[in-house]
Amino acid sequence: MNKAATNKTYAPWTKHYDSEVPITLKYPETTLDQLFRRSVKNHPKACALIFFGKVISYEKLGRFVNILATSLEELGLHQGDRIALLLPNCPQYVICYYAILSIGGVVVPVNPLSTEPELLHIFRDGKIRAVICLDLLAGRLENVRETCHNLGEPHLLEHTFYTSLNEFMPYPIKTLYPLTRKLSPEAKSRLSQCIWLKTLLDREPTTSIAKEFDFH
C-alpha cells in the first residue's frame, strides 16, 4: 500500500511511521474460535499455557474447550447468550473463553473485585444468563443471583458454575493452596448446592462442535 497516497485516509500520526512500517495489516476473514482451532490442529503438542510451572498443550486445551462447549450447549446455552467470567488469570479463564465462543456465545469479562451492587448492575445491564466464577466469590455471586430472582428476573444468572485455582495447579502447590486461600463460611455454604466447573469437564472428549454462526 502506498503510504503517501493513504496518509489522508488514516489517522494523522501515521505520517510519522518509518517507511518499512505498514499503515495497516491484512487480517484473515475468520473468527477467533476458528483461529484457535487452527492452532490446535497445526500445533497440538506445542505449549499453549503455563500455570505455576504446569504446561498445558494446545491439544489438551482444545479437548477441554470441546468438552465444556458441549456441556454448555446441553444445559441450554446457545448462540447469543451472554456468559460472564468472574475469574482471575488462570487456565479456566482461557478454557471458558474459547468454549463460549465455540457455541456462539458472548464472553462478558467481569472484575473479580467487583462489589455486590456493581455485579448486580453489570448482570442486569448485560442480561447475563450464566456466570463462571472463582469459588472464593461464591457468597457474593449467589447473593446477587438471589437479588435478581427476587426482583422478578429469573432469566438472569440461570446458571452459576464454580472453580478453584488449584484445579490446574501441579503438586505439591495443588495440595498446599487450600491452606493459604480458605473459603469463608458463607462461600462453603453456598458451594454445597452449586455446580463445579470440573464436573462439566469430567467427561469423554467430544469431536469439535465448531460451526458457522449467523451474526447478522
N, C-alpha and C. Protein backbone atom coordinates (compact mmCIF):
# COMPACT_ATOMS: atom_id res chain seq x y z
N MET A 1 0.85 -1.20 0.00
CA MET A 1 0.00 0.00 0.00
C MET A 1 0.88 1.24 0.00
N ASN A 2 0.55 2.21 -0.86
CA ASN A 2 1.33 3.43 -0.97
C ASN A 2 1.02 4.34 0.21
N LYS A 3 2.01 4.58 1.07
CA LYS A 3 1.78 5.35 2.28
C LYS A 3 1.44 6.79 1.96
N ALA A 4 2.09 7.37 0.96
CA ALA A 4 1.83 8.77 0.62
C ALA A 4 0.40 8.97 0.16
N ALA A 5 -0.13 7.95 -0.52
CA ALA A 5 -1.47 8.06 -1.07
C ALA A 5 -2.56 7.82 -0.04
N THR A 6 -2.18 7.30 1.10
CA THR A 6 -3.21 6.94 2.08
C THR A 6 -3.12 7.70 3.39
N ASN A 7 -2.14 8.58 3.52
CA ASN A 7 -1.98 9.33 4.77
C ASN A 7 -3.22 10.14 5.12
N LYS A 8 -3.93 10.65 4.10
CA LYS A 8 -5.11 11.46 4.35
C LYS A 8 -6.28 10.62 4.84
N THR A 9 -6.23 9.34 4.52
CA THR A 9 -7.31 8.44 4.90
C THR A 9 -7.18 7.99 6.34
N TYR A 10 -5.96 7.79 6.80
CA TYR A 10 -5.71 7.26 8.12
C TYR A 10 -5.41 8.37 9.14
N ALA A 11 -5.29 7.97 10.40
CA ALA A 11 -5.02 8.93 11.47
C ALA A 11 -3.74 9.72 11.16
N PRO A 12 -3.70 11.00 11.58
CA PRO A 12 -2.58 11.88 11.21
C PRO A 12 -1.21 11.39 11.68
N TRP A 13 -1.17 10.60 12.77
CA TRP A 13 0.14 10.18 13.28
C TRP A 13 0.84 9.17 12.37
N THR A 14 0.09 8.60 11.42
CA THR A 14 0.72 7.60 10.54
C THR A 14 1.79 8.21 9.64
N LYS A 15 1.75 9.52 9.47
CA LYS A 15 2.77 10.15 8.62
C LYS A 15 4.15 10.10 9.27
N HIS A 16 4.19 9.80 10.56
CA HIS A 16 5.46 9.70 11.27
C HIS A 16 6.01 8.28 11.29
N TYR A 17 5.27 7.32 10.73
CA TYR A 17 5.74 5.94 10.69
C TYR A 17 6.97 5.83 9.80
N ASP A 18 7.89 4.94 10.17
CA ASP A 18 9.03 4.66 9.31
C ASP A 18 8.54 4.04 8.01
N SER A 19 9.32 4.17 6.96
CA SER A 19 8.90 3.72 5.63
C SER A 19 8.59 2.23 5.58
N GLU A 20 9.27 1.42 6.43
CA GLU A 20 9.05 -0.02 6.40
C GLU A 20 7.87 -0.46 7.28
N VAL A 21 7.24 0.49 7.97
CA VAL A 21 6.11 0.15 8.85
C VAL A 21 4.81 0.37 8.09
N PRO A 22 4.02 -0.66 7.87
CA PRO A 22 2.76 -0.50 7.13
C PRO A 22 1.71 0.24 7.96
N ILE A 23 0.84 0.95 7.30
CA ILE A 23 -0.23 1.67 7.98
C ILE A 23 -1.29 0.70 8.49
N THR A 24 -1.51 -0.35 7.74
CA THR A 24 -2.48 -1.35 8.15
C THR A 24 -1.94 -2.73 7.80
N LEU A 25 -2.61 -3.76 8.29
CA LEU A 25 -2.22 -5.14 8.02
C LEU A 25 -3.38 -5.88 7.38
N LYS A 26 -3.10 -6.99 6.78
CA LYS A 26 -4.15 -7.84 6.21
C LYS A 26 -4.58 -8.84 7.27
N TYR A 27 -5.82 -8.78 7.65
CA TYR A 27 -6.34 -9.66 8.69
C TYR A 27 -7.20 -10.76 8.05
N PRO A 28 -7.04 -12.00 8.54
CA PRO A 28 -7.84 -13.09 7.97
C PRO A 28 -9.32 -12.91 8.27
N GLU A 29 -10.15 -13.20 7.30
CA GLU A 29 -11.60 -13.09 7.49
C GLU A 29 -12.11 -14.39 8.11
N THR A 30 -11.90 -14.51 9.40
CA THR A 30 -12.30 -15.71 10.11
C THR A 30 -12.60 -15.34 11.56
N THR A 31 -13.14 -16.26 12.31
CA THR A 31 -13.47 -15.98 13.71
C THR A 31 -12.30 -16.33 14.61
N LEU A 32 -12.31 -15.78 15.81
CA LEU A 32 -11.27 -16.09 16.78
C LEU A 32 -11.31 -17.57 17.16
N ASP A 33 -12.51 -18.12 17.22
CA ASP A 33 -12.67 -19.54 17.52
C ASP A 33 -11.99 -20.39 16.46
N GLN A 34 -12.15 -20.03 15.20
CA GLN A 34 -11.53 -20.78 14.12
C GLN A 34 -10.01 -20.65 14.15
N LEU A 35 -9.51 -19.48 14.51
CA LEU A 35 -8.07 -19.30 14.62
C LEU A 35 -7.51 -20.18 15.73
N PHE A 36 -8.24 -20.26 16.85
CA PHE A 36 -7.80 -21.11 17.95
C PHE A 36 -7.76 -22.58 17.51
N ARG A 37 -8.81 -23.03 16.85
CA ARG A 37 -8.87 -24.44 16.42
C ARG A 37 -7.81 -24.75 15.38
N ARG A 38 -7.44 -23.76 14.60
CA ARG A 38 -6.37 -23.94 13.64
C ARG A 38 -5.04 -24.18 14.37
N SER A 39 -4.83 -23.45 15.45
CA SER A 39 -3.61 -23.63 16.25
C SER A 39 -3.58 -25.01 16.89
N VAL A 40 -4.75 -25.46 17.39
CA VAL A 40 -4.84 -26.79 17.99
C VAL A 40 -4.51 -27.86 16.96
N LYS A 41 -5.00 -27.69 15.76
CA LYS A 41 -4.78 -28.67 14.69
C LYS A 41 -3.33 -28.67 14.21
N ASN A 42 -2.76 -27.48 14.05
CA ASN A 42 -1.42 -27.37 13.48
C ASN A 42 -0.29 -27.54 14.50
N HIS A 43 -0.57 -27.28 15.77
CA HIS A 43 0.47 -27.35 16.80
C HIS A 43 -0.03 -28.07 18.05
N PRO A 44 -0.52 -29.29 17.92
CA PRO A 44 -1.14 -29.98 19.06
C PRO A 44 -0.21 -30.18 20.26
N LYS A 45 1.06 -30.42 20.02
CA LYS A 45 1.99 -30.70 21.11
C LYS A 45 2.68 -29.44 21.64
N ALA A 46 2.45 -28.32 20.99
CA ALA A 46 3.09 -27.08 21.43
C ALA A 46 2.47 -26.59 22.73
N CYS A 47 3.25 -25.82 23.47
CA CYS A 47 2.79 -25.28 24.75
C CYS A 47 1.79 -24.16 24.51
N ALA A 48 0.61 -24.31 25.08
CA ALA A 48 -0.41 -23.26 24.98
C ALA A 48 -0.44 -22.40 26.24
N LEU A 49 -0.34 -23.05 27.41
CA LEU A 49 -0.41 -22.33 28.68
C LEU A 49 0.62 -22.90 29.66
N ILE A 50 1.10 -22.04 30.54
CA ILE A 50 1.95 -22.47 31.65
C ILE A 50 1.37 -21.84 32.91
N PHE A 51 1.01 -22.70 33.87
CA PHE A 51 0.38 -22.21 35.10
C PHE A 51 1.12 -22.80 36.29
N PHE A 52 1.84 -21.96 37.02
CA PHE A 52 2.67 -22.39 38.14
C PHE A 52 3.61 -23.53 37.72
N GLY A 53 4.16 -23.40 36.52
CA GLY A 53 5.10 -24.39 36.01
C GLY A 53 4.46 -25.56 35.30
N LYS A 54 3.16 -25.71 35.38
CA LYS A 54 2.46 -26.81 34.71
C LYS A 54 2.15 -26.41 33.27
N VAL A 55 2.57 -27.25 32.33
CA VAL A 55 2.39 -26.96 30.91
C VAL A 55 1.12 -27.63 30.39
N ILE A 56 0.32 -26.86 29.65
CA ILE A 56 -0.88 -27.38 29.00
C ILE A 56 -0.71 -27.20 27.50
N SER A 57 -0.74 -28.29 26.77
CA SER A 57 -0.55 -28.24 25.32
C SER A 57 -1.81 -27.75 24.62
N TYR A 58 -1.66 -27.37 23.35
CA TYR A 58 -2.83 -26.97 22.57
C TYR A 58 -3.81 -28.12 22.42
N GLU A 59 -3.29 -29.33 22.29
CA GLU A 59 -4.16 -30.49 22.16
C GLU A 59 -5.04 -30.66 23.39
N LYS A 60 -4.44 -30.55 24.57
CA LYS A 60 -5.19 -30.72 25.81
C LYS A 60 -6.16 -29.55 26.02
N LEU A 61 -5.70 -28.36 25.70
CA LEU A 61 -6.55 -27.19 25.83
C LEU A 61 -7.76 -27.30 24.91
N GLY A 62 -7.51 -27.74 23.68
CA GLY A 62 -8.60 -27.91 22.73
C GLY A 62 -9.61 -28.95 23.20
N ARG A 63 -9.11 -30.01 23.84
CA ARG A 63 -10.00 -31.05 24.35
C ARG A 63 -10.91 -30.49 25.43
N PHE A 64 -10.34 -29.71 26.36
CA PHE A 64 -11.14 -29.09 27.42
C PHE A 64 -12.20 -28.14 26.84
N VAL A 65 -11.80 -27.38 25.84
CA VAL A 65 -12.72 -26.43 25.22
C VAL A 65 -13.90 -27.15 24.58
N ASN A 66 -13.62 -28.24 23.87
CA ASN A 66 -14.70 -29.00 23.24
C ASN A 66 -15.65 -29.61 24.26
N ILE A 67 -15.08 -30.15 25.33
CA ILE A 67 -15.90 -30.77 26.37
C ILE A 67 -16.81 -29.72 27.02
N LEU A 68 -16.24 -28.58 27.38
CA LEU A 68 -17.03 -27.55 28.04
C LEU A 68 -18.08 -26.97 27.10
N ALA A 69 -17.72 -26.76 25.85
CA ALA A 69 -18.68 -26.23 24.88
C ALA A 69 -19.88 -27.16 24.74
N THR A 70 -19.62 -28.46 24.69
CA THR A 70 -20.71 -29.43 24.60
C THR A 70 -21.58 -29.38 25.85
N SER A 71 -20.95 -29.29 27.02
CA SER A 71 -21.69 -29.23 28.28
C SER A 71 -22.58 -28.00 28.34
N LEU A 72 -22.06 -26.86 27.90
CA LEU A 72 -22.84 -25.63 27.93
C LEU A 72 -24.06 -25.73 27.01
N GLU A 73 -23.86 -26.32 25.84
CA GLU A 73 -24.98 -26.50 24.92
C GLU A 73 -26.04 -27.43 25.50
N GLU A 74 -25.60 -28.48 26.16
CA GLU A 74 -26.55 -29.42 26.74
C GLU A 74 -27.36 -28.79 27.88
N LEU A 75 -26.80 -27.73 28.48
CA LEU A 75 -27.51 -27.01 29.54
C LEU A 75 -28.45 -25.95 28.98
N GLY A 76 -28.46 -25.83 27.65
CA GLY A 76 -29.38 -24.88 27.02
C GLY A 76 -28.79 -23.53 26.69
N LEU A 77 -27.47 -23.41 26.77
CA LEU A 77 -26.81 -22.16 26.43
C LEU A 77 -26.40 -22.21 24.95
N HIS A 78 -26.75 -21.16 24.21
CA HIS A 78 -26.56 -21.20 22.76
C HIS A 78 -26.06 -19.86 22.23
N GLN A 79 -26.10 -19.75 20.91
CA GLN A 79 -25.64 -18.54 20.23
C GLN A 79 -26.35 -17.30 20.77
N GLY A 80 -25.54 -16.28 21.05
CA GLY A 80 -26.09 -15.01 21.50
C GLY A 80 -26.22 -14.88 23.01
N ASP A 81 -26.18 -16.00 23.73
CA ASP A 81 -26.28 -15.93 25.19
C ASP A 81 -25.03 -15.29 25.78
N ARG A 82 -25.22 -14.47 26.79
CA ARG A 82 -24.10 -13.77 27.42
C ARG A 82 -23.69 -14.49 28.70
N ILE A 83 -22.43 -14.87 28.72
CA ILE A 83 -21.89 -15.64 29.84
C ILE A 83 -20.73 -14.86 30.45
N ALA A 84 -20.84 -14.56 31.73
CA ALA A 84 -19.82 -13.76 32.41
C ALA A 84 -18.73 -14.65 33.00
N LEU A 85 -17.52 -14.13 32.99
CA LEU A 85 -16.38 -14.81 33.60
C LEU A 85 -15.90 -13.96 34.77
N LEU A 86 -16.12 -14.46 35.97
CA LEU A 86 -15.70 -13.78 37.19
C LEU A 86 -14.48 -14.54 37.72
N LEU A 87 -13.39 -14.42 36.96
CA LEU A 87 -12.20 -15.23 37.21
C LEU A 87 -10.93 -14.40 37.10
N PRO A 88 -9.87 -14.80 37.82
CA PRO A 88 -8.56 -14.18 37.63
C PRO A 88 -7.86 -14.82 36.44
N ASN A 89 -6.62 -14.48 36.24
CA ASN A 89 -5.84 -15.03 35.14
C ASN A 89 -5.47 -16.49 35.45
N CYS A 90 -6.10 -17.44 34.79
CA CYS A 90 -5.89 -18.86 35.07
C CYS A 90 -6.32 -19.68 33.86
N PRO A 91 -5.94 -20.97 33.79
CA PRO A 91 -6.33 -21.81 32.65
C PRO A 91 -7.84 -21.89 32.45
N GLN A 92 -8.59 -21.90 33.54
CA GLN A 92 -10.05 -21.99 33.43
C GLN A 92 -10.61 -20.81 32.63
N TYR A 93 -9.99 -19.65 32.77
CA TYR A 93 -10.47 -18.49 32.02
C TYR A 93 -10.33 -18.74 30.52
N VAL A 94 -9.18 -19.24 30.12
CA VAL A 94 -8.93 -19.48 28.70
C VAL A 94 -9.87 -20.56 28.17
N ILE A 95 -10.04 -21.63 28.92
CA ILE A 95 -10.93 -22.72 28.51
C ILE A 95 -12.35 -22.20 28.34
N CYS A 96 -12.84 -21.47 29.33
CA CYS A 96 -14.20 -20.95 29.28
C CYS A 96 -14.37 -19.95 28.14
N TYR A 97 -13.37 -19.12 27.94
CA TYR A 97 -13.45 -18.10 26.90
C TYR A 97 -13.69 -18.73 25.53
N TYR A 98 -12.85 -19.71 25.18
CA TYR A 98 -12.99 -20.32 23.85
C TYR A 98 -14.18 -21.25 23.76
N ALA A 99 -14.60 -21.85 24.86
CA ALA A 99 -15.79 -22.70 24.85
C ALA A 99 -17.03 -21.86 24.57
N ILE A 100 -17.09 -20.68 25.16
CA ILE A 100 -18.23 -19.78 24.93
C ILE A 100 -18.25 -19.33 23.48
N LEU A 101 -17.09 -19.00 22.94
CA LEU A 101 -17.02 -18.62 21.53
C LEU A 101 -17.46 -19.77 20.63
N SER A 102 -17.13 -20.99 21.01
CA SER A 102 -17.46 -22.16 20.20
C SER A 102 -18.96 -22.34 20.00
N ILE A 103 -19.75 -21.95 21.01
CA ILE A 103 -21.20 -22.11 20.89
C ILE A 103 -21.86 -20.83 20.38
N GLY A 104 -21.05 -19.85 20.02
CA GLY A 104 -21.59 -18.60 19.51
C GLY A 104 -22.05 -17.66 20.61
N GLY A 105 -21.61 -17.92 21.84
CA GLY A 105 -21.99 -17.07 22.96
C GLY A 105 -21.16 -15.81 23.03
N VAL A 106 -21.54 -14.93 23.95
CA VAL A 106 -20.83 -13.66 24.15
C VAL A 106 -20.12 -13.71 25.49
N VAL A 107 -18.80 -13.54 25.46
CA VAL A 107 -18.00 -13.54 26.69
C VAL A 107 -18.08 -12.16 27.34
N VAL A 108 -18.43 -12.15 28.63
CA VAL A 108 -18.51 -10.89 29.38
C VAL A 108 -17.51 -10.95 30.53
N PRO A 109 -16.31 -10.39 30.36
CA PRO A 109 -15.33 -10.39 31.45
C PRO A 109 -15.76 -9.45 32.56
N VAL A 110 -15.67 -9.91 33.80
CA VAL A 110 -16.07 -9.10 34.95
C VAL A 110 -14.94 -9.10 35.98
N ASN A 111 -14.65 -7.96 36.53
CA ASN A 111 -13.60 -7.82 37.54
C ASN A 111 -13.97 -8.62 38.79
N PRO A 112 -13.13 -9.57 39.21
CA PRO A 112 -13.42 -10.36 40.43
C PRO A 112 -13.50 -9.51 41.69
N LEU A 113 -12.99 -8.29 41.65
CA LEU A 113 -13.02 -7.42 42.82
C LEU A 113 -14.32 -6.61 42.90
N SER A 114 -15.21 -6.80 41.95
CA SER A 114 -16.46 -6.03 41.93
C SER A 114 -17.30 -6.32 43.18
N THR A 115 -17.96 -5.29 43.67
CA THR A 115 -18.83 -5.44 44.84
C THR A 115 -20.19 -5.97 44.40
N GLU A 116 -21.03 -6.34 45.36
CA GLU A 116 -22.36 -6.86 45.03
C GLU A 116 -23.20 -5.84 44.25
N PRO A 117 -23.25 -4.56 44.66
CA PRO A 117 -24.02 -3.59 43.87
C PRO A 117 -23.48 -3.46 42.44
N GLU A 118 -22.16 -3.51 42.29
CA GLU A 118 -21.57 -3.41 40.95
C GLU A 118 -21.94 -4.63 40.11
N LEU A 119 -21.87 -5.81 40.71
CA LEU A 119 -22.23 -7.03 39.98
C LEU A 119 -23.69 -7.02 39.58
N LEU A 120 -24.55 -6.56 40.47
CA LEU A 120 -25.98 -6.50 40.17
C LEU A 120 -26.23 -5.62 38.96
N HIS A 121 -25.58 -4.47 38.92
CA HIS A 121 -25.74 -3.56 37.78
C HIS A 121 -25.22 -4.20 36.49
N ILE A 122 -24.05 -4.80 36.57
CA ILE A 122 -23.44 -5.41 35.38
C ILE A 122 -24.32 -6.54 34.84
N PHE A 123 -24.79 -7.41 35.70
CA PHE A 123 -25.57 -8.56 35.25
C PHE A 123 -26.93 -8.15 34.70
N ARG A 124 -27.57 -7.16 35.33
CA ARG A 124 -28.87 -6.71 34.84
C ARG A 124 -28.71 -5.94 33.54
N ASP A 125 -27.70 -5.09 33.47
CA ASP A 125 -27.47 -4.30 32.27
C ASP A 125 -27.05 -5.18 31.09
N GLY A 126 -26.24 -6.21 31.38
CA GLY A 126 -25.74 -7.08 30.32
C GLY A 126 -26.63 -8.27 30.01
N LYS A 127 -27.72 -8.43 30.78
CA LYS A 127 -28.62 -9.57 30.56
C LYS A 127 -27.85 -10.89 30.57
N ILE A 128 -27.11 -11.12 31.64
CA ILE A 128 -26.23 -12.28 31.76
C ILE A 128 -27.03 -13.53 32.13
N ARG A 129 -26.91 -14.58 31.32
CA ARG A 129 -27.64 -15.83 31.60
C ARG A 129 -26.86 -16.76 32.51
N ALA A 130 -25.54 -16.73 32.44
CA ALA A 130 -24.74 -17.66 33.22
C ALA A 130 -23.43 -16.99 33.64
N VAL A 131 -22.86 -17.49 34.74
CA VAL A 131 -21.60 -16.96 35.25
C VAL A 131 -20.69 -18.12 35.64
N ILE A 132 -19.43 -18.02 35.25
CA ILE A 132 -18.42 -18.98 35.69
C ILE A 132 -17.49 -18.21 36.62
N CYS A 133 -17.40 -18.67 37.87
CA CYS A 133 -16.85 -17.83 38.94
C CYS A 133 -15.83 -18.57 39.80
N LEU A 134 -14.93 -17.83 40.40
CA LEU A 134 -13.98 -18.37 41.37
C LEU A 134 -14.73 -18.76 42.64
N ASP A 135 -14.38 -19.91 43.20
CA ASP A 135 -15.11 -20.41 44.38
C ASP A 135 -15.07 -19.44 45.56
N LEU A 136 -14.00 -18.68 45.70
CA LEU A 136 -13.87 -17.74 46.82
C LEU A 136 -14.95 -16.66 46.79
N LEU A 137 -15.58 -16.46 45.62
CA LEU A 137 -16.57 -15.40 45.46
C LEU A 137 -18.00 -15.93 45.47
N ALA A 138 -18.17 -17.18 45.89
CA ALA A 138 -19.49 -17.82 45.83
C ALA A 138 -20.54 -17.06 46.64
N GLY A 139 -20.18 -16.64 47.83
CA GLY A 139 -21.14 -15.93 48.68
C GLY A 139 -21.65 -14.66 48.00
N ARG A 140 -20.72 -13.90 47.45
CA ARG A 140 -21.07 -12.64 46.80
C ARG A 140 -21.96 -12.88 45.58
N LEU A 141 -21.57 -13.83 44.72
CA LEU A 141 -22.32 -14.07 43.49
C LEU A 141 -23.71 -14.62 43.77
N GLU A 142 -23.82 -15.57 44.69
CA GLU A 142 -25.13 -16.16 44.96
C GLU A 142 -26.07 -15.15 45.62
N ASN A 143 -25.53 -14.20 46.38
CA ASN A 143 -26.36 -13.13 46.93
C ASN A 143 -26.95 -12.29 45.80
N VAL A 144 -26.11 -11.98 44.82
CA VAL A 144 -26.57 -11.19 43.67
C VAL A 144 -27.58 -11.99 42.85
N ARG A 145 -27.34 -13.26 42.71
CA ARG A 145 -28.27 -14.12 41.96
C ARG A 145 -29.65 -14.12 42.63
N GLU A 146 -29.67 -14.24 43.93
CA GLU A 146 -30.94 -14.22 44.67
C GLU A 146 -31.64 -12.88 44.50
N THR A 147 -30.88 -11.81 44.53
CA THR A 147 -31.46 -10.48 44.36
C THR A 147 -32.13 -10.35 43.00
N CYS A 148 -31.46 -10.83 41.96
CA CYS A 148 -32.01 -10.77 40.60
C CYS A 148 -33.34 -11.53 40.53
N HIS A 149 -33.35 -12.72 41.09
CA HIS A 149 -34.55 -13.55 41.03
C HIS A 149 -35.67 -12.96 41.89
N ASN A 150 -35.31 -12.35 43.03
CA ASN A 150 -36.32 -11.71 43.88
C ASN A 150 -36.91 -10.47 43.23
N LEU A 151 -36.17 -9.88 42.30
CA LEU A 151 -36.65 -8.71 41.57
C LEU A 151 -37.51 -9.10 40.37
N GLY A 152 -37.78 -10.40 40.26
CA GLY A 152 -38.62 -10.88 39.16
C GLY A 152 -37.88 -11.06 37.86
N GLU A 153 -36.57 -11.34 37.94
CA GLU A 153 -35.77 -11.54 36.73
C GLU A 153 -35.08 -12.90 36.77
N PRO A 154 -35.86 -13.99 36.74
CA PRO A 154 -35.29 -15.33 36.82
C PRO A 154 -34.48 -15.72 35.59
N HIS A 155 -34.61 -14.95 34.52
CA HIS A 155 -33.84 -15.23 33.31
C HIS A 155 -32.38 -14.83 33.46
N LEU A 156 -32.09 -14.04 34.50
CA LEU A 156 -30.71 -13.64 34.76
C LEU A 156 -30.03 -14.67 35.67
N LEU A 157 -28.77 -14.94 35.39
CA LEU A 157 -27.98 -15.87 36.21
C LEU A 157 -28.73 -17.19 36.40
N GLU A 158 -29.21 -17.75 35.30
CA GLU A 158 -29.88 -19.05 35.37
C GLU A 158 -28.91 -20.13 35.84
N HIS A 159 -27.64 -19.97 35.46
CA HIS A 159 -26.62 -20.95 35.82
C HIS A 159 -25.42 -20.25 36.44
N THR A 160 -24.90 -20.81 37.52
CA THR A 160 -23.64 -20.35 38.09
C THR A 160 -22.74 -21.57 38.30
N PHE A 161 -21.51 -21.47 37.82
CA PHE A 161 -20.55 -22.57 37.93
C PHE A 161 -19.31 -22.05 38.65
N TYR A 162 -18.69 -22.94 39.42
CA TYR A 162 -17.55 -22.51 40.25
C TYR A 162 -16.31 -23.36 40.01
N THR A 163 -15.17 -22.72 40.22
CA THR A 163 -13.90 -23.41 40.05
C THR A 163 -12.90 -22.88 41.07
N SER A 164 -11.94 -23.71 41.43
CA SER A 164 -10.87 -23.32 42.35
C SER A 164 -9.57 -23.20 41.57
N LEU A 165 -8.74 -22.26 41.95
CA LEU A 165 -7.48 -22.05 41.25
C LEU A 165 -6.59 -23.28 41.27
N ASN A 166 -6.68 -24.10 42.31
CA ASN A 166 -5.76 -25.23 42.42
C ASN A 166 -6.13 -26.40 41.51
N GLU A 167 -7.25 -26.33 40.82
CA GLU A 167 -7.66 -27.43 39.95
C GLU A 167 -6.68 -27.68 38.81
N PHE A 168 -5.94 -26.65 38.42
CA PHE A 168 -4.95 -26.83 37.35
C PHE A 168 -3.53 -26.59 37.84
N MET A 169 -3.35 -26.58 39.15
CA MET A 169 -2.01 -26.41 39.70
C MET A 169 -1.29 -27.75 39.79
N PRO A 170 0.03 -27.76 39.69
CA PRO A 170 0.79 -29.00 39.86
C PRO A 170 0.98 -29.31 41.34
N TYR A 171 1.32 -30.53 41.64
CA TYR A 171 1.67 -30.90 43.01
C TYR A 171 3.07 -30.39 43.30
N PRO A 172 3.41 -29.98 44.54
CA PRO A 172 2.57 -30.00 45.75
C PRO A 172 1.75 -28.73 45.96
N ILE A 173 1.89 -27.74 45.04
CA ILE A 173 1.15 -26.49 45.20
C ILE A 173 -0.35 -26.74 45.25
N LYS A 174 -0.80 -27.70 44.46
CA LYS A 174 -2.22 -28.02 44.40
C LYS A 174 -2.78 -28.38 45.79
N THR A 175 -1.97 -29.12 46.55
CA THR A 175 -2.40 -29.55 47.89
C THR A 175 -2.27 -28.43 48.92
N LEU A 176 -1.25 -27.60 48.76
CA LEU A 176 -0.99 -26.53 49.74
C LEU A 176 -1.89 -25.32 49.55
N TYR A 177 -2.41 -25.13 48.36
CA TYR A 177 -3.21 -23.93 48.06
C TYR A 177 -4.37 -23.71 49.03
N PRO A 178 -5.19 -24.73 49.35
CA PRO A 178 -6.32 -24.51 50.26
C PRO A 178 -5.91 -23.99 51.64
N LEU A 179 -4.66 -24.22 52.01
CA LEU A 179 -4.19 -23.75 53.32
C LEU A 179 -3.96 -22.24 53.32
N THR A 180 -3.75 -21.68 52.14
CA THR A 180 -3.47 -20.25 52.03
C THR A 180 -4.68 -19.44 51.57
N ARG A 181 -5.64 -20.09 50.95
CA ARG A 181 -6.84 -19.41 50.46
C ARG A 181 -8.07 -20.14 50.99
N LYS A 182 -8.45 -19.83 52.18
CA LYS A 182 -9.57 -20.53 52.82
C LYS A 182 -10.92 -19.92 52.41
N LEU A 183 -11.88 -20.78 52.18
CA LEU A 183 -13.22 -20.34 51.84
C LEU A 183 -13.91 -19.79 53.08
N SER A 184 -14.68 -18.74 52.91
CA SER A 184 -15.46 -18.19 54.01
C SER A 184 -16.60 -19.14 54.33
N PRO A 185 -17.15 -19.09 55.54
CA PRO A 185 -18.29 -19.95 55.88
C PRO A 185 -19.46 -19.77 54.91
N GLU A 186 -19.69 -18.54 54.47
CA GLU A 186 -20.80 -18.28 53.54
C GLU A 186 -20.54 -18.95 52.19
N ALA A 187 -19.29 -18.84 51.72
CA ALA A 187 -18.94 -19.46 50.44
C ALA A 187 -19.09 -20.97 50.51
N LYS A 188 -18.64 -21.57 51.61
CA LYS A 188 -18.77 -23.02 51.78
C LYS A 188 -20.23 -23.43 51.76
N SER A 189 -21.07 -22.67 52.43
CA SER A 189 -22.49 -22.99 52.48
C SER A 189 -23.13 -22.91 51.09
N ARG A 190 -22.76 -21.88 50.35
CA ARG A 190 -23.31 -21.70 49.01
C ARG A 190 -22.83 -22.79 48.04
N LEU A 191 -21.56 -23.12 48.12
CA LEU A 191 -20.97 -24.07 47.18
C LEU A 191 -21.53 -25.48 47.34
N SER A 192 -22.08 -25.78 48.50
CA SER A 192 -22.62 -27.13 48.72
C SER A 192 -23.79 -27.43 47.81
N GLN A 193 -24.39 -26.39 47.23
CA GLN A 193 -25.54 -26.59 46.37
C GLN A 193 -25.29 -26.12 44.94
N CYS A 194 -24.03 -25.86 44.62
CA CYS A 194 -23.69 -25.31 43.30
C CYS A 194 -23.00 -26.34 42.41
N ILE A 195 -22.89 -26.01 41.14
CA ILE A 195 -22.25 -26.88 40.16
C ILE A 195 -20.80 -26.45 39.98
N TRP A 196 -19.90 -27.42 40.02
CA TRP A 196 -18.48 -27.14 39.82
C TRP A 196 -18.12 -27.27 38.35
N LEU A 197 -17.27 -26.37 37.90
CA LEU A 197 -16.82 -26.41 36.51
C LEU A 197 -16.17 -27.74 36.18
N LYS A 198 -15.45 -28.32 37.13
CA LYS A 198 -14.73 -29.57 36.85
C LYS A 198 -15.69 -30.70 36.54
N THR A 199 -16.95 -30.63 37.02
CA THR A 199 -17.91 -31.68 36.69
C THR A 199 -18.32 -31.59 35.22
N LEU A 200 -18.28 -30.37 34.67
CA LEU A 200 -18.59 -30.20 33.25
C LEU A 200 -17.43 -30.65 32.37
N LEU A 201 -16.22 -30.61 32.94
CA LEU A 201 -15.03 -31.01 32.19
C LEU A 201 -14.71 -32.49 32.36
N ASP A 202 -15.34 -33.13 33.33
CA ASP A 202 -15.05 -34.52 33.64
C ASP A 202 -15.94 -35.46 32.83
N ARG A 203 -15.69 -35.50 31.55
CA ARG A 203 -16.47 -36.34 30.66
C ARG A 203 -15.61 -36.73 29.47
N GLU A 204 -16.12 -37.61 28.64
CA GLU A 204 -15.34 -38.07 27.49
C GLU A 204 -15.17 -36.94 26.49
N PRO A 205 -13.98 -36.84 25.88
CA PRO A 205 -13.77 -35.80 24.86
C PRO A 205 -14.76 -35.98 23.72
N THR A 206 -15.16 -34.86 23.14
CA THR A 206 -16.08 -34.89 22.01
C THR A 206 -15.39 -34.34 20.77
N THR A 207 -15.98 -34.59 19.64
CA THR A 207 -15.45 -34.01 18.42
C THR A 207 -15.77 -32.53 18.42
N SER A 208 -15.08 -31.79 17.59
CA SER A 208 -15.28 -30.35 17.55
C SER A 208 -16.72 -30.00 17.22
N ILE A 209 -17.30 -29.08 17.99
CA ILE A 209 -18.66 -28.64 17.70
C ILE A 209 -18.65 -27.29 17.00
N ALA A 210 -17.47 -26.84 16.62
CA ALA A 210 -17.37 -25.54 15.96
C ALA A 210 -18.23 -25.52 14.71
N LYS A 211 -18.95 -24.46 14.48
CA LYS A 211 -19.82 -24.36 13.32
C LYS A 211 -19.97 -22.90 12.92
N GLU A 212 -20.56 -22.70 11.78
CA GLU A 212 -20.76 -21.34 11.31
C GLU A 212 -21.98 -20.74 12.01
N PHE A 213 -21.86 -19.47 12.40
CA PHE A 213 -22.97 -18.79 13.05
C PHE A 213 -23.37 -17.57 12.23
N ASP A 214 -24.62 -17.23 12.32
CA ASP A 214 -25.14 -16.05 11.65
C ASP A 214 -25.11 -14.89 12.63
N PHE A 215 -24.17 -13.97 12.42
CA PHE A 215 -24.02 -12.86 13.34
C PHE A 215 -24.69 -11.59 12.82
N HIS A 216 -25.50 -11.73 11.80
CA HIS A 216 -26.14 -10.54 11.20
C HIS A 216 -27.61 -10.47 11.59
